[in-house]
Amino acid sequence: MSAGGPDLFVICKNCGSEVSPYITECPYCGNRLRKRAPKLDRHGRISEKISRRPPAPSLPRLRRGEIPGIRHDSHPYATIVLLILGVLGCLIWRTGAVSLINLVVWNHLESQWWRTFVAPFIYTNTGYAFVALGIIGLFGTLMERRHGPIVVVALFLIGGVGGIAVGGLASSQPISGANGAALALLVAWAVPDLRRLTRKQEIDGDLLGAGVLALVMILMPLATSTVLFGQASWAAGGVGVAAGVTLGYLLAKIHPV
């Protein structure tokens, strides 16, 4: 726009479009720009002040059923609590305050059913704890931001507590740790992308990396086989995979992402 010349356009406050300063309604959205046409001087210039300041930007509300990606104001509180309990489980038996034999599970579930809720947080192998808690932290966060804390807790209970219970019945060795819960969260997260792959659709997630982590977690019983108390359980891992596939499929049908 040249100095002293007429304004070339004004900004519609409703839709943000650039429109002529000589009209009273926006041709794009119909918003009323002014009550009457602007006054012109004898040189054809607008003789009154017209605001060209664009409206302040604002984010639209989420539509019904729309899921945001990763929201900065969404905090994975359930996942954080599970991680804290896992870290405490790595340390508490080392203090000697509680005997390790009273925290792990094997064979006699009738008299130690409560241990199925404790044993998933007990790790006697540092590598096992690092991998399991890392997977729970990563995929628990992703699942919590996608579906909320209740889903994360449900997957942990079914894969972790349920897996320990089944593993205790299937093995005579003392078992602990949350390999079943880690696999349940990982597999449930991967199911939507796996469904899209079968339909030859594009995916956003890193299924290759998730597959490597899943393989490491599945084979964890081999790495902990020499641990006297607190081995990872093959049966618990199987329960975790089954829980992840089942709940992941149901969630993908009910609440697609």
C-alpha atoms as a PDB file:
ATOM      1  CA  MET A   1       0.000   0.000   0.000  1.00  0.00           C
ATOM      2  CA  SER A   2       1.457   3.379  -0.980  1.00  0.00           C
ATOM      3  CA  ALA A   3       1.650   6.212   1.504  1.00  0.00           C
ATOM      4  CA  GLY A   4      -1.475   8.341   1.448  1.00  0.00           C
ATOM      5  CA  GLY A   5      -3.326   5.829  -0.763  1.00  0.00           C
ATOM      6  CA  PRO A   6      -6.497   3.969   0.116  1.00  0.00           C
ATOM      7  CA  ASP A   7      -6.361   0.785   2.211  1.00  0.00           C
ATOM      8  CA  LEU A   8      -6.150  -2.258  -0.032  1.00  0.00           C
ATOM      9  CA  PHE A   9      -7.988  -4.570   2.359  1.00  0.00           C
ATOM     10  CA  VAL A  10      -9.282  -5.084   5.872  1.00  0.00           C
ATOM     11  CA  ILE A  11      -9.319  -8.249   7.968  1.00  0.00           C
ATOM     12  CA  CYS A  12     -12.633  -9.976   8.725  1.00  0.00           C
ATOM     13  CA  LYS A  13     -12.724 -10.522  12.488  1.00  0.00           C
ATOM     14  CA  ASN A  14     -14.802 -13.702  12.083  1.00  0.00           C
ATOM     15  CA  CYS A  15     -12.896 -15.726   9.488  1.00  0.00           C
ATOM     16  CA  GLY A  16      -9.652 -13.749   9.169  1.00  0.00           C
ATOM     17  CA  SER A  17      -9.998 -13.245   5.395  1.00  0.00           C
ATOM     18  CA  GLU A  18      -8.665 -10.190   3.601  1.00  0.00           C
ATOM     19  CA  VAL A  19     -11.596  -8.304   2.082  1.00  0.00           C
ATOM     20  CA  SER A  20     -12.209  -4.996   0.366  1.00  0.00           C
ATOM     21  CA  PRO A  21     -12.582  -1.974   2.657  1.00  0.00           C
ATOM     22  CA  TYR A  22     -15.523  -0.752   0.596  1.00  0.00           C
ATOM     23  CA  ILE A  23     -17.973  -3.560   1.474  1.00  0.00           C
ATOM     24  CA  THR A  24     -20.179  -3.956   4.547  1.00  0.00           C
ATOM     25  CA  GLU A  25     -20.296  -7.793   4.733  1.00  0.00           C
ATOM     26  CA  CYS A  26     -17.599 -10.427   4.343  1.00  0.00           C
ATOM     27  CA  PRO A  27     -18.204 -12.370   1.100  1.00  0.00           C
ATOM     28  CA  TYR A  28     -16.653 -15.515   2.634  1.00  0.00           C
ATOM     29  CA  CYS A  29     -18.544 -15.889   5.899  1.00  0.00           C
ATOM     30  CA  GLY A  30     -21.235 -13.209   5.760  1.00  0.00           C
ATOM     31  CA  ASN A  31     -19.976 -11.487   8.901  1.00  0.00           C
ATOM     32  CA  ARG A  32     -21.079  -7.843   9.229  1.00  0.00           C
ATOM     33  CA  LEU A  33     -17.969  -5.698   8.844  1.00  0.00           C
ATOM     34  CA  ARG A  34     -19.563  -2.273   9.324  1.00  0.00           C
ATOM     35  CA  LYS A  35     -22.994  -0.657   9.477  1.00  0.00           C
ATOM     36  CA  ARG A  36     -22.523   1.401   6.313  1.00  0.00           C
ATOM     37  CA  ALA A  37     -20.064   1.881   3.465  1.00  0.00           C
ATOM     38  CA  PRO A  38     -17.001   3.967   4.343  1.00  0.00           C
ATOM     39  CA  LYS A  39     -16.881   7.657   3.575  1.00  0.00           C
ATOM     40  CA  LEU A  40     -14.515   8.714   0.795  1.00  0.00           C
ATOM     41  CA  ASP A  41     -12.820  12.041   0.261  1.00  0.00           C
ATOM     42  CA  ARG A  42     -12.652  13.786  -3.110  1.00  0.00           C
ATOM     43  CA  HIS A  43      -9.540  11.820  -4.047  1.00  0.00           C
ATOM     44  CA  GLY A  44     -11.276   8.472  -3.497  1.00  0.00           C
ATOM     45  CA  ARG A  45      -9.477   7.750  -0.254  1.00  0.00           C
ATOM     46  CA  ILE A  46     -11.229   6.453   2.855  1.00  0.00           C
ATOM     47  CA  SER A  47     -11.589   9.437   5.137  1.00  0.00           C
ATOM     48  CA  GLU A  48     -12.199   7.469   8.341  1.00  0.00           C
ATOM     49  CA  LYS A  49      -9.987   5.115  10.274  1.00  0.00           C
ATOM     50  CA  ILE A  50     -10.421   1.391   9.587  1.00  0.00           C
ATOM     51  CA  SER A  51      -8.794  -1.122  11.886  1.00  0.00           C
ATOM     52  CA  ARG A  52      -6.654  -3.646  10.062  1.00  0.00           C
ATOM     53  CA  ARG A  53      -5.612  -5.510  13.202  1.00  0.00           C
ATOM     54  CA  PRO A  54      -6.255  -9.241  12.779  1.00  0.00           C
ATOM     55  CA  PRO A  55      -8.223 -11.060  15.469  1.00  0.00           C
ATOM     56  CA  ALA A  56      -6.282 -12.703  18.258  1.00  0.00           C
ATOM     57  CA  PRO A  57      -5.533 -16.328  17.357  1.00  0.00           C
ATOM     58  CA  SER A  58      -7.367 -18.972  19.330  1.00  0.00           C
ATOM     59  CA  LEU A  59      -7.479 -22.769  19.269  1.00  0.00           C
ATOM     60  CA  PRO A  60     -10.818 -24.327  18.385  1.00  0.00           C
ATOM     61  CA  ARG A  61     -12.507 -26.666  20.822  1.00  0.00           C
ATOM     62  CA  LEU A  62     -12.013 -30.375  20.275  1.00  0.00           C
ATOM     63  CA  ARG A  63     -14.907 -31.884  18.377  1.00  0.00           C
ATOM     64  CA  ARG A  64     -16.924 -34.722  19.914  1.00  0.00           C
ATOM     65  CA  GLY A  65     -14.950 -37.954  19.634  1.00  0.00           C
ATOM     66  CA  GLU A  66     -11.765 -36.165  18.561  1.00  0.00           C
ATOM     67  CA  ILE A  67      -8.582 -37.274  20.260  1.00  0.00           C
ATOM     68  CA  PRO A  68      -5.650 -34.881  20.586  1.00  0.00           C
ATOM     69  CA  GLY A  69      -2.162 -36.185  19.878  1.00  0.00           C
ATOM     70  CA  ILE A  70      -0.054 -35.623  22.951  1.00  0.00           C
ATOM     71  CA  ARG A  71      -1.412 -32.806  25.037  1.00  0.00           C
ATOM     72  CA  HIS A  72       1.076 -30.781  27.061  1.00  0.00           C
ATOM     73  CA  ASP A  73      -1.425 -30.384  29.894  1.00  0.00           C
ATOM     74  CA  SER A  74      -2.083 -34.117  30.197  1.00  0.00           C
ATOM     75  CA  HIS A  75      -0.005 -35.748  32.933  1.00  0.00           C
ATOM     76  CA  PRO A  76       0.250 -39.567  33.173  1.00  0.00           C
ATOM     77  CA  TYR A  77      -0.352 -39.753  36.915  1.00  0.00           C
ATOM     78  CA  ALA A  78      -1.281 -43.452  36.972  1.00  0.00           C
ATOM     79  CA  THR A  79       1.883 -44.380  35.094  1.00  0.00           C
ATOM     80  CA  ILE A  80       3.994 -42.246  37.417  1.00  0.00           C
ATOM     81  CA  VAL A  81       2.519 -43.989  40.475  1.00  0.00           C
ATOM     82  CA  LEU A  82       3.221 -47.426  38.970  1.00  0.00           C
ATOM     83  CA  LEU A  83       6.819 -46.431  38.260  1.00  0.00           C
ATOM     84  CA  ILE A  84       7.323 -45.106  41.788  1.00  0.00           C
ATOM     85  CA  LEU A  85       5.990 -48.348  43.249  1.00  0.00           C
ATOM     86  CA  GLY A  86       8.321 -50.296  40.962  1.00  0.00           C
ATOM     87  CA  VAL A  87      11.347 -48.289  42.083  1.00  0.00           C
ATOM     88  CA  LEU A  88      10.360 -48.770  45.730  1.00  0.00           C
ATOM     89  CA  GLY A  89       9.993 -52.489  45.056  1.00  0.00           C
ATOM     90  CA  CYS A  90      13.582 -52.550  43.790  1.00  0.00           C
ATOM     91  CA  LEU A  91      14.801 -51.034  47.045  1.00  0.00           C
ATOM     92  CA  ILE A  92      12.557 -52.103  49.926  1.00  0.00           C
ATOM     93  CA  TRP A  93      13.683 -55.708  50.220  1.00  0.00           C
ATOM     94  CA  ARG A  94      17.329 -54.606  50.071  1.00  0.00           C
ATOM     95  CA  THR A  95      16.834 -52.625  53.273  1.00  0.00           C
ATOM     96  CA  GLY A  96      16.067 -55.809  55.179  1.00  0.00           C
ATOM     97  CA  ALA A  97      12.818 -54.342  56.511  1.00  0.00           C
ATOM     98  CA  VAL A  98      10.865 -57.078  54.732  1.00  0.00           C
ATOM     99  CA  SER A  99      12.159 -60.505  53.812  1.00  0.00           C
ATOM    100  CA  LEU A 100      12.262 -61.147  50.075  1.00  0.00           C
ATOM    101  CA  ILE A 101      10.720 -64.580  50.567  1.00  0.00           C
ATOM    102  CA  ASN A 102       7.556 -62.854  51.796  1.00  0.00           C
ATOM    103  CA  LEU A 103       7.210 -60.678  48.667  1.00  0.00           C
ATOM    104  CA  VAL A 104       7.527 -63.099  45.753  1.00  0.00           C
ATOM    105  CA  VAL A 105       4.999 -65.708  44.596  1.00  0.00           C
ATOM    106  CA  TRP A 106       5.219 -69.434  44.002  1.00  0.00           C
ATOM    107  CA  ASN A 107       2.783 -72.351  44.026  1.00  0.00           C
ATOM    108  CA  HIS A 108       0.796 -71.667  47.210  1.00  0.00           C
ATOM    109  CA  LEU A 109      -1.604 -68.916  46.161  1.00  0.00           C
ATOM    110  CA  GLU A 110      -4.229 -69.969  48.700  1.00  0.00           C
ATOM    111  CA  SER A 111      -2.211 -68.588  51.596  1.00  0.00           C
ATOM    112  CA  GLN A 112      -0.410 -65.786  49.756  1.00  0.00           C
ATOM    113  CA  TRP A 113      -2.979 -64.367  47.322  1.00  0.00           C
ATOM    114  CA  TRP A 114      -2.119 -60.847  48.489  1.00  0.00           C
ATOM    115  CA  ARG A 115       1.399 -61.322  47.161  1.00  0.00           C
ATOM    116  CA  THR A 116       0.064 -61.264  43.614  1.00  0.00           C
ATOM    117  CA  PHE A 117      -0.526 -57.518  44.148  1.00  0.00           C
ATOM    118  CA  VAL A 118       2.952 -56.990  45.623  1.00  0.00           C
ATOM    119  CA  ALA A 119       5.155 -59.228  43.484  1.00  0.00           C
ATOM    120  CA  PRO A 120       4.702 -57.217  40.229  1.00  0.00           C
ATOM    121  CA  PHE A 121       6.579 -54.353  41.903  1.00  0.00           C
ATOM    122  CA  ILE A 122       9.455 -56.501  43.222  1.00  0.00           C
ATOM    123  CA  TYR A 123      12.641 -56.807  41.139  1.00  0.00           C
ATOM    124  CA  THR A 124      15.741 -58.673  42.223  1.00  0.00           C
ATOM    125  CA  ASN A 125      17.514 -58.237  38.878  1.00  0.00           C
ATOM    126  CA  THR A 126      18.599 -54.725  37.870  1.00  0.00           C
ATOM    127  CA  GLY A 127      18.414 -55.400  34.141  1.00  0.00           C
ATOM    128  CA  TYR A 128      14.926 -56.837  34.478  1.00  0.00           C
ATOM    129  CA  ALA A 129      13.809 -53.794  36.458  1.00  0.00           C
ATOM    130  CA  PHE A 130      15.349 -51.337  33.987  1.00  0.00           C
ATOM    131  CA  VAL A 131      13.709 -52.869  30.908  1.00  0.00           C
ATOM    132  CA  ALA A 132      10.324 -53.567  32.504  1.00  0.00           C
ATOM    133  CA  LEU A 133       9.977 -50.147  34.149  1.00  0.00           C
ATOM    134  CA  GLY A 134      11.196 -48.443  30.976  1.00  0.00           C
ATOM    135  CA  ILE A 135       8.504 -50.159  28.892  1.00  0.00           C
ATOM    136  CA  ILE A 136       5.824 -49.464  31.495  1.00  0.00           C
ATOM    137  CA  GLY A 137       6.857 -45.801  31.656  1.00  0.00           C
ATOM    138  CA  LEU A 138       6.896 -45.343  27.866  1.00  0.00           C
ATOM    139  CA  PHE A 139       3.814 -47.254  26.790  1.00  0.00           C
ATOM    140  CA  GLY A 140       1.910 -46.500  29.979  1.00  0.00           C
ATOM    141  CA  THR A 141       2.313 -42.793  29.222  1.00  0.00           C
ATOM    142  CA  LEU A 142       1.209 -43.243  25.601  1.00  0.00           C
ATOM    143  CA  MET A 143      -1.807 -45.314  26.590  1.00  0.00           C
ATOM    144  CA  GLU A 144      -2.789 -42.970  29.410  1.00  0.00           C
ATOM    145  CA  ARG A 145      -2.722 -39.945  27.121  1.00  0.00           C
ATOM    146  CA  ARG A 146      -4.696 -41.883  24.544  1.00  0.00           C
ATOM    147  CA  HIS A 147      -7.316 -43.555  26.747  1.00  0.00           C
ATOM    148  CA  GLY A 148      -6.903 -42.287  30.310  1.00  0.00           C
ATOM    149  CA  PRO A 149      -5.579 -43.709  33.602  1.00  0.00           C
ATOM    150  CA  ILE A 150      -8.276 -46.369  34.119  1.00  0.00           C
ATOM    151  CA  VAL A 151      -7.137 -48.259  31.015  1.00  0.00           C
ATOM    152  CA  VAL A 152      -3.513 -48.204  32.184  1.00  0.00           C
ATOM    153  CA  VAL A 153      -4.424 -49.517  35.638  1.00  0.00           C
ATOM    154  CA  ALA A 154      -6.665 -52.205  34.113  1.00  0.00           C
ATOM    155  CA  LEU A 155      -3.896 -53.404  31.785  1.00  0.00           C
ATOM    156  CA  PHE A 156      -1.422 -53.463  34.668  1.00  0.00           C
ATOM    157  CA  LEU A 157      -3.771 -55.442  36.892  1.00  0.00           C
ATOM    158  CA  ILE A 158      -4.651 -57.988  34.224  1.00  0.00           C
ATOM    159  CA  GLY A 159      -1.171 -58.373  32.757  1.00  0.00           C
ATOM    160  CA  GLY A 160       0.809 -57.868  35.964  1.00  0.00           C
ATOM    161  CA  VAL A 161      -1.294 -59.169  38.853  1.00  0.00           C
ATOM    162  CA  GLY A 162      -3.156 -61.711  36.711  1.00  0.00           C
ATOM    163  CA  GLY A 163       0.082 -62.785  35.068  1.00  0.00           C
ATOM    164  CA  ILE A 164       1.780 -63.314  38.433  1.00  0.00           C
ATOM    165  CA  ALA A 165      -1.197 -65.362  39.651  1.00  0.00           C
ATOM    166  CA  VAL A 166      -1.109 -67.642  36.600  1.00  0.00           C
ATOM    167  CA  GLY A 167       2.670 -67.822  36.729  1.00  0.00           C
ATOM    168  CA  GLY A 168       2.581 -68.793  40.400  1.00  0.00           C
ATOM    169  CA  LEU A 169       0.322 -71.711  39.589  1.00  0.00           C
ATOM    170  CA  ALA A 170       2.364 -72.759  36.561  1.00  0.00           C
ATOM    171  CA  SER A 171       5.842 -72.587  38.095  1.00  0.00           C
ATOM    172  CA  SER A 172       7.485 -73.936  41.218  1.00  0.00           C
ATOM    173  CA  GLN A 173      10.090 -71.152  41.073  1.00  0.00           C
ATOM    174  CA  PRO A 174       9.601 -67.883  43.002  1.00  0.00           C
ATOM    175  CA  ILE A 175       8.515 -65.229  40.497  1.00  0.00           C
ATOM    176  CA  SER A 176       8.081 -61.459  40.617  1.00  0.00           C
ATOM    177  CA  GLY A 177       8.279 -58.363  38.429  1.00  0.00           C
ATOM    178  CA  ALA A 178       5.871 -56.922  35.895  1.00  0.00           C
ATOM    179  CA  ASN A 179       6.893 -58.489  32.598  1.00  0.00           C
ATOM    180  CA  GLY A 180       3.224 -59.343  32.004  1.00  0.00           C
ATOM    181  CA  ALA A 181       2.106 -55.765  32.667  1.00  0.00           C
ATOM    182  CA  ALA A 182       4.835 -54.337  30.424  1.00  0.00           C
ATOM    183  CA  LEU A 183       3.789 -56.610  27.554  1.00  0.00           C
ATOM    184  CA  ALA A 184       0.096 -55.827  28.084  1.00  0.00           C
ATOM    185  CA  LEU A 185       0.707 -52.069  27.765  1.00  0.00           C
ATOM    186  CA  LEU A 186       3.063 -52.427  24.806  1.00  0.00           C
ATOM    187  CA  VAL A 187       0.821 -54.775  22.825  1.00  0.00           C
ATOM    188  CA  ALA A 188      -2.340 -52.756  23.554  1.00  0.00           C
ATOM    189  CA  TRP A 189      -0.591 -49.650  22.216  1.00  0.00           C
ATOM    190  CA  ALA A 190       0.560 -51.475  19.077  1.00  0.00           C
ATOM    191  CA  VAL A 191      -2.797 -53.065  18.161  1.00  0.00           C
ATOM    192  CA  PRO A 192      -4.289 -49.997  16.369  1.00  0.00           C
ATOM    193  CA  ASP A 193      -1.205 -49.649  14.162  1.00  0.00           C
ATOM    194  CA  LEU A 194      -1.187 -53.386  13.464  1.00  0.00           C
ATOM    195  CA  ARG A 195      -4.822 -53.154  12.356  1.00  0.00           C
ATOM    196  CA  ARG A 196      -3.954 -50.277  10.035  1.00  0.00           C
ATOM    197  CA  LEU A 197      -1.077 -52.265   8.557  1.00  0.00           C
ATOM    198  CA  THR A 198      -3.395 -55.148   7.697  1.00  0.00           C
ATOM    199  CA  ARG A 199      -5.548 -52.614   5.824  1.00  0.00           C
ATOM    200  CA  LYS A 200      -2.455 -51.225   4.045  1.00  0.00           C
ATOM    201  CA  GLN A 201      -2.867 -47.841   5.704  1.00  0.00           C
ATOM    202  CA  GLU A 202      -0.093 -45.531   6.883  1.00  0.00           C
ATOM    203  CA  ILE A 203       0.956 -45.650  10.531  1.00  0.00           C
ATOM    204  CA  ASP A 204       2.637 -43.106  12.798  1.00  0.00           C
ATOM    205  CA  GLY A 205       4.047 -45.393  15.495  1.00  0.00           C
ATOM    206  CA  ASP A 206       7.426 -47.152  15.518  1.00  0.00           C
ATOM    207  CA  LEU A 207       6.312 -50.763  15.372  1.00  0.00           C
ATOM    208  CA  LEU A 208       9.842 -52.005  14.694  1.00  0.00           C
ATOM    209  CA  GLY A 209      11.152 -50.500  17.915  1.00  0.00           C
ATOM    210  CA  ALA A 210       8.116 -51.737  19.823  1.00  0.00           C
ATOM    211  CA  GLY A 211       8.677 -55.217  18.393  1.00  0.00           C
ATOM    212  CA  VAL A 212      12.290 -55.279  19.597  1.00  0.00           C
ATOM    213  CA  LEU A 213      11.239 -54.222  23.105  1.00  0.00           C
ATOM    214  CA  ALA A 214       8.480 -56.829  23.108  1.00  0.00           C
ATOM    215  CA  LEU A 215      10.942 -59.560  22.106  1.00  0.00           C
ATOM    216  CA  VAL A 216      13.333 -58.535  24.886  1.00  0.00           C
ATOM    217  CA  MET A 217      10.514 -58.635  27.415  1.00  0.00           C
ATOM    218  CA  ILE A 218       9.199 -61.988  26.160  1.00  0.00           C
ATOM    219  CA  LEU A 219      12.678 -63.524  26.532  1.00  0.00           C
ATOM    220  CA  MET A 220      13.284 -61.969  29.969  1.00  0.00           C
ATOM    221  CA  PRO A 221      12.659 -65.305  31.785  1.00  0.00           C
ATOM    222  CA  LEU A 222      15.856 -66.591  30.135  1.00  0.00           C
ATOM    223  CA  ALA A 223      17.851 -63.653  31.489  1.00  0.00           C
ATOM    224  CA  THR A 224      16.515 -64.137  35.022  1.00  0.00           C
ATOM    225  CA  SER A 225      16.636 -67.934  35.098  1.00  0.00           C
ATOM    226  CA  THR A 226      19.652 -67.895  37.428  1.00  0.00           C
ATOM    227  CA  VAL A 227      17.963 -65.603  39.959  1.00  0.00           C
ATOM    228  CA  LEU A 228      17.153 -67.530  43.132  1.00  0.00           C
ATOM    229  CA  PHE A 229      14.110 -65.414  44.040  1.00  0.00           C
ATOM    230  CA  GLY A 230      12.139 -63.217  41.671  1.00  0.00           C
ATOM    231  CA  GLN A 231      12.411 -64.718  38.193  1.00  0.00           C
ATOM    232  CA  ALA A 232      10.332 -63.426  35.292  1.00  0.00           C
ATOM    233  CA  SER A 233       7.552 -65.836  34.350  1.00  0.00           C
ATOM    234  CA  TRP A 234       6.815 -67.230  30.889  1.00  0.00           C
ATOM    235  CA  ALA A 235       3.175 -67.653  31.867  1.00  0.00           C
ATOM    236  CA  ALA A 236       2.933 -64.045  33.079  1.00  0.00           C
ATOM    237  CA  GLY A 237       4.322 -62.853  29.758  1.00  0.00           C
ATOM    238  CA  GLY A 238       1.734 -64.905  27.900  1.00  0.00           C
ATOM    239  CA  VAL A 239      -1.078 -63.441  29.998  1.00  0.00           C
ATOM    240  CA  GLY A 240       0.256 -59.953  29.283  1.00  0.00           C
ATOM    241  CA  VAL A 241       0.304 -60.489  25.520  1.00  0.00           C
ATOM    242  CA  ALA A 242      -3.213 -61.944  25.570  1.00  0.00           C
ATOM    243  CA  ALA A 243      -4.482 -59.031  27.678  1.00  0.00           C
ATOM    244  CA  GLY A 244      -2.845 -56.496  25.368  1.00  0.00           C
ATOM    245  CA  VAL A 245      -4.312 -58.040  22.234  1.00  0.00           C
ATOM    246  CA  THR A 246      -7.812 -58.373  23.701  1.00  0.00           C
ATOM    247  CA  LEU A 247      -8.118 -54.965  25.357  1.00  0.00           C
ATOM    248  CA  GLY A 248      -6.177 -53.255  22.576  1.00  0.00           C
ATOM    249  CA  TYR A 249      -8.613 -54.597  19.983  1.00  0.00           C
ATOM    250  CA  LEU A 250     -11.661 -53.627  22.037  1.00  0.00           C
ATOM    251  CA  LEU A 251     -10.294 -50.114  22.605  1.00  0.00           C
ATOM    252  CA  ALA A 252      -9.498 -49.735  18.912  1.00  0.00           C
ATOM    253  CA  LYS A 253     -13.096 -50.644  18.051  1.00  0.00           C
ATOM    254  CA  ILE A 254     -14.727 -48.474  20.729  1.00  0.00           C
ATOM    255  CA  HIS A 255     -12.363 -45.521  20.684  1.00  0.00           C
ATOM    256  CA  PRO A 256     -10.373 -45.544  17.402  1.00  0.00           C
ATOM    257  CA  VAL A 257      -7.248 -43.415  17.132  1.00  0.00           C
END
